[in-house]
Amino acid sequence: MMLGALAILLGILFKGQNVAYMVGLAFAIAASANFPALLLSMLWRRFTTNGAVASMLVGTICYVNPKQT
């Protein structure tokens, strides 16, 4: 129920936006979260679940707020 209300609210807020741009933005955020975890899991033998979560959080934060890095 809450997720549906959030989707409706975001739909109202972004009413005049370009849909293709918003989809591209969503894919970019997802890629910035998933790519570090994927790359590290292939290259680092002792990569753990905690490391995957940390790399996903750092990748997302770096994309959303690039001035912090």
N, C-alpha and C. Protein backbone atom coordinates (compact mmCIF):
# COMPACT_ATOMS: atom_id res chain seq x y z
N MET A 1 0.82 -1.18 0.00
CA MET A 1 0.00 0.00 0.00
C MET A 1 0.87 1.26 0.00
N MET A 2 1.89 1.23 0.86
CA MET A 2 2.77 2.38 0.97
C MET A 2 3.58 2.59 -0.31
N LEU A 3 4.02 1.51 -0.92
CA LEU A 3 4.78 1.60 -2.17
C LEU A 3 3.92 2.18 -3.29
N GLY A 4 2.68 1.80 -3.35
CA GLY A 4 1.77 2.35 -4.35
C GLY A 4 1.55 3.85 -4.16
N ALA A 5 1.39 4.26 -2.90
CA ALA A 5 1.22 5.69 -2.60
C ALA A 5 2.48 6.47 -2.98
N LEU A 6 3.65 5.89 -2.72
CA LEU A 6 4.90 6.54 -3.09
C LEU A 6 5.01 6.67 -4.61
N ALA A 7 4.61 5.63 -5.35
CA ALA A 7 4.66 5.67 -6.81
C ALA A 7 3.72 6.74 -7.36
N ILE A 8 2.55 6.86 -6.78
CA ILE A 8 1.60 7.89 -7.22
C ILE A 8 2.16 9.28 -6.93
N LEU A 9 2.73 9.47 -5.76
CA LEU A 9 3.31 10.76 -5.39
C LEU A 9 4.46 11.14 -6.31
N LEU A 10 5.34 10.19 -6.60
CA LEU A 10 6.45 10.47 -7.51
C LEU A 10 5.95 10.73 -8.93
N GLY A 11 4.92 10.05 -9.35
CA GLY A 11 4.33 10.29 -10.66
C GLY A 11 3.78 11.70 -10.78
N ILE A 12 3.16 12.18 -9.72
CA ILE A 12 2.64 13.55 -9.72
C ILE A 12 3.77 14.56 -9.71
N LEU A 13 4.82 14.30 -8.94
CA LEU A 13 5.94 15.23 -8.85
C LEU A 13 6.71 15.36 -10.16
N PHE A 14 6.88 14.25 -10.87
CA PHE A 14 7.66 14.23 -12.11
C PHE A 14 6.76 14.24 -13.34
N LYS A 15 5.65 14.91 -13.27
CA LYS A 15 4.65 14.90 -14.33
C LYS A 15 5.18 15.40 -15.68
N GLY A 16 5.99 16.43 -15.70
CA GLY A 16 6.44 16.99 -16.96
C GLY A 16 7.78 16.49 -17.45
N GLN A 17 8.34 15.48 -16.80
CA GLN A 17 9.67 15.00 -17.15
C GLN A 17 9.64 14.04 -18.34
N ASN A 18 10.78 13.93 -19.00
CA ASN A 18 10.95 13.01 -20.11
C ASN A 18 11.10 11.59 -19.55
N VAL A 19 10.27 10.68 -20.00
CA VAL A 19 10.26 9.31 -19.47
C VAL A 19 11.57 8.59 -19.81
N ALA A 20 12.08 8.79 -21.01
CA ALA A 20 13.32 8.11 -21.41
C ALA A 20 14.49 8.56 -20.53
N TYR A 21 14.52 9.83 -20.19
CA TYR A 21 15.57 10.33 -19.30
C TYR A 21 15.46 9.70 -17.91
N MET A 22 14.25 9.59 -17.40
CA MET A 22 14.04 9.03 -16.06
C MET A 22 14.42 7.53 -16.04
N VAL A 23 14.10 6.81 -17.10
CA VAL A 23 14.47 5.39 -17.18
C VAL A 23 15.99 5.25 -17.25
N GLY A 24 16.62 6.10 -18.04
CA GLY A 24 18.09 6.08 -18.13
C GLY A 24 18.74 6.39 -16.79
N LEU A 25 18.16 7.33 -16.06
CA LEU A 25 18.67 7.67 -14.73
C LEU A 25 18.53 6.49 -13.77
N ALA A 26 17.42 5.79 -13.83
CA ALA A 26 17.21 4.63 -12.97
C ALA A 26 18.22 3.52 -13.29
N PHE A 27 18.48 3.29 -14.58
CA PHE A 27 19.46 2.27 -14.96
C PHE A 27 20.87 2.68 -14.55
N ALA A 28 21.19 3.96 -14.63
CA ALA A 28 22.52 4.43 -14.22
C ALA A 28 22.73 4.24 -12.73
N ILE A 29 21.71 4.52 -11.95
CA ILE A 29 21.83 4.33 -10.49
C ILE A 29 21.99 2.84 -10.18
N ALA A 30 21.22 2.00 -10.84
CA ALA A 30 21.32 0.55 -10.61
C ALA A 30 22.69 0.02 -11.02
N ALA A 31 23.21 0.51 -12.13
CA ALA A 31 24.53 0.05 -12.59
C ALA A 31 25.63 0.50 -11.64
N SER A 32 25.51 1.72 -11.12
CA SER A 32 26.55 2.20 -10.20
C SER A 32 26.54 1.42 -8.89
N ALA A 33 25.43 0.83 -8.55
CA ALA A 33 25.37 0.01 -7.34
C ALA A 33 25.85 -1.42 -7.61
N ASN A 34 25.48 -1.97 -8.76
CA ASN A 34 25.77 -3.38 -9.03
C ASN A 34 27.17 -3.64 -9.59
N PHE A 35 27.70 -2.72 -10.37
CA PHE A 35 28.98 -2.96 -11.02
C PHE A 35 30.14 -3.17 -10.04
N PRO A 36 30.30 -2.34 -9.00
CA PRO A 36 31.42 -2.60 -8.07
C PRO A 36 31.33 -3.98 -7.41
N ALA A 37 30.13 -4.37 -7.01
CA ALA A 37 29.97 -5.68 -6.38
C ALA A 37 30.27 -6.80 -7.36
N LEU A 38 29.83 -6.67 -8.60
CA LEU A 38 30.08 -7.68 -9.61
C LEU A 38 31.57 -7.80 -9.92
N LEU A 39 32.22 -6.68 -10.12
CA LEU A 39 33.65 -6.69 -10.44
C LEU A 39 34.48 -7.25 -9.29
N LEU A 40 34.19 -6.79 -8.07
CA LEU A 40 34.95 -7.28 -6.92
C LEU A 40 34.71 -8.76 -6.67
N SER A 41 33.50 -9.24 -6.91
CA SER A 41 33.23 -10.67 -6.68
C SER A 41 33.99 -11.55 -7.67
N MET A 42 34.29 -11.02 -8.86
CA MET A 42 35.04 -11.81 -9.83
C MET A 42 36.55 -11.76 -9.58
N LEU A 43 37.03 -10.65 -9.04
CA LEU A 43 38.47 -10.46 -8.92
C LEU A 43 39.03 -10.72 -7.52
N TRP A 44 38.21 -10.69 -6.51
CA TRP A 44 38.69 -10.80 -5.13
C TRP A 44 38.16 -12.08 -4.52
N ARG A 45 39.04 -13.02 -4.26
CA ARG A 45 38.64 -14.34 -3.80
C ARG A 45 37.95 -14.30 -2.43
N ARG A 46 38.36 -13.41 -1.55
CA ARG A 46 37.81 -13.37 -0.19
C ARG A 46 36.69 -12.32 -0.05
N PHE A 47 36.03 -12.01 -1.12
CA PHE A 47 34.94 -11.05 -1.13
C PHE A 47 33.75 -11.65 -0.38
N THR A 48 33.19 -10.92 0.58
CA THR A 48 32.11 -11.43 1.42
C THR A 48 30.80 -10.69 1.16
N THR A 49 29.76 -11.15 1.80
CA THR A 49 28.45 -10.50 1.68
C THR A 49 28.51 -9.08 2.24
N ASN A 50 29.21 -8.90 3.35
CA ASN A 50 29.34 -7.56 3.91
C ASN A 50 30.08 -6.64 2.94
N GLY A 51 31.08 -7.15 2.27
CA GLY A 51 31.80 -6.36 1.28
C GLY A 51 30.91 -6.00 0.10
N ALA A 52 30.04 -6.92 -0.30
CA ALA A 52 29.12 -6.65 -1.41
C ALA A 52 28.14 -5.54 -1.04
N VAL A 53 27.60 -5.63 0.17
CA VAL A 53 26.66 -4.60 0.62
C VAL A 53 27.36 -3.25 0.71
N ALA A 54 28.57 -3.24 1.25
CA ALA A 54 29.32 -1.98 1.38
C ALA A 54 29.64 -1.40 0.00
N SER A 55 30.05 -2.23 -0.95
CA SER A 55 30.38 -1.72 -2.27
C SER A 55 29.14 -1.19 -2.99
N MET A 56 28.00 -1.82 -2.78
CA MET A 56 26.77 -1.33 -3.39
C MET A 56 26.34 0.00 -2.78
N LEU A 57 26.47 0.13 -1.48
CA LEU A 57 26.12 1.40 -0.83
C LEU A 57 27.05 2.52 -1.27
N VAL A 58 28.35 2.25 -1.32
CA VAL A 58 29.31 3.27 -1.73
C VAL A 58 29.09 3.66 -3.20
N GLY A 59 28.83 2.70 -4.06
CA GLY A 59 28.57 3.01 -5.46
C GLY A 59 27.33 3.87 -5.64
N THR A 60 26.28 3.56 -4.90
CA THR A 60 25.05 4.35 -4.98
C THR A 60 25.26 5.76 -4.44
N ILE A 61 25.94 5.87 -3.31
CA ILE A 61 26.19 7.18 -2.72
C ILE A 61 27.06 8.03 -3.63
N CYS A 62 28.06 7.42 -4.24
CA CYS A 62 28.94 8.17 -5.15
C CYS A 62 28.18 8.66 -6.38
N TYR A 63 27.19 7.92 -6.83
CA TYR A 63 26.42 8.37 -7.99
C TYR A 63 25.44 9.47 -7.60
N VAL A 64 24.74 9.25 -6.50
CA VAL A 64 23.71 10.19 -6.10
C VAL A 64 24.30 11.52 -5.62
N ASN A 65 25.44 11.46 -4.95
CA ASN A 65 26.05 12.67 -4.40
C ASN A 65 27.52 12.71 -4.81
N PRO A 66 27.83 13.11 -6.05
CA PRO A 66 29.20 13.05 -6.55
C PRO A 66 30.15 14.06 -5.89
N LYS A 67 29.65 15.06 -5.22
CA LYS A 67 30.53 16.06 -4.60
C LYS A 67 31.17 15.54 -3.32
N GLN A 68 30.70 14.44 -2.79
CA GLN A 68 31.27 13.86 -1.57
C GLN A 68 32.55 13.09 -1.85
N THR A 69 32.74 12.66 -3.09
CA THR A 69 33.93 11.84 -3.40
C THR A 69 35.08 12.68 -3.86
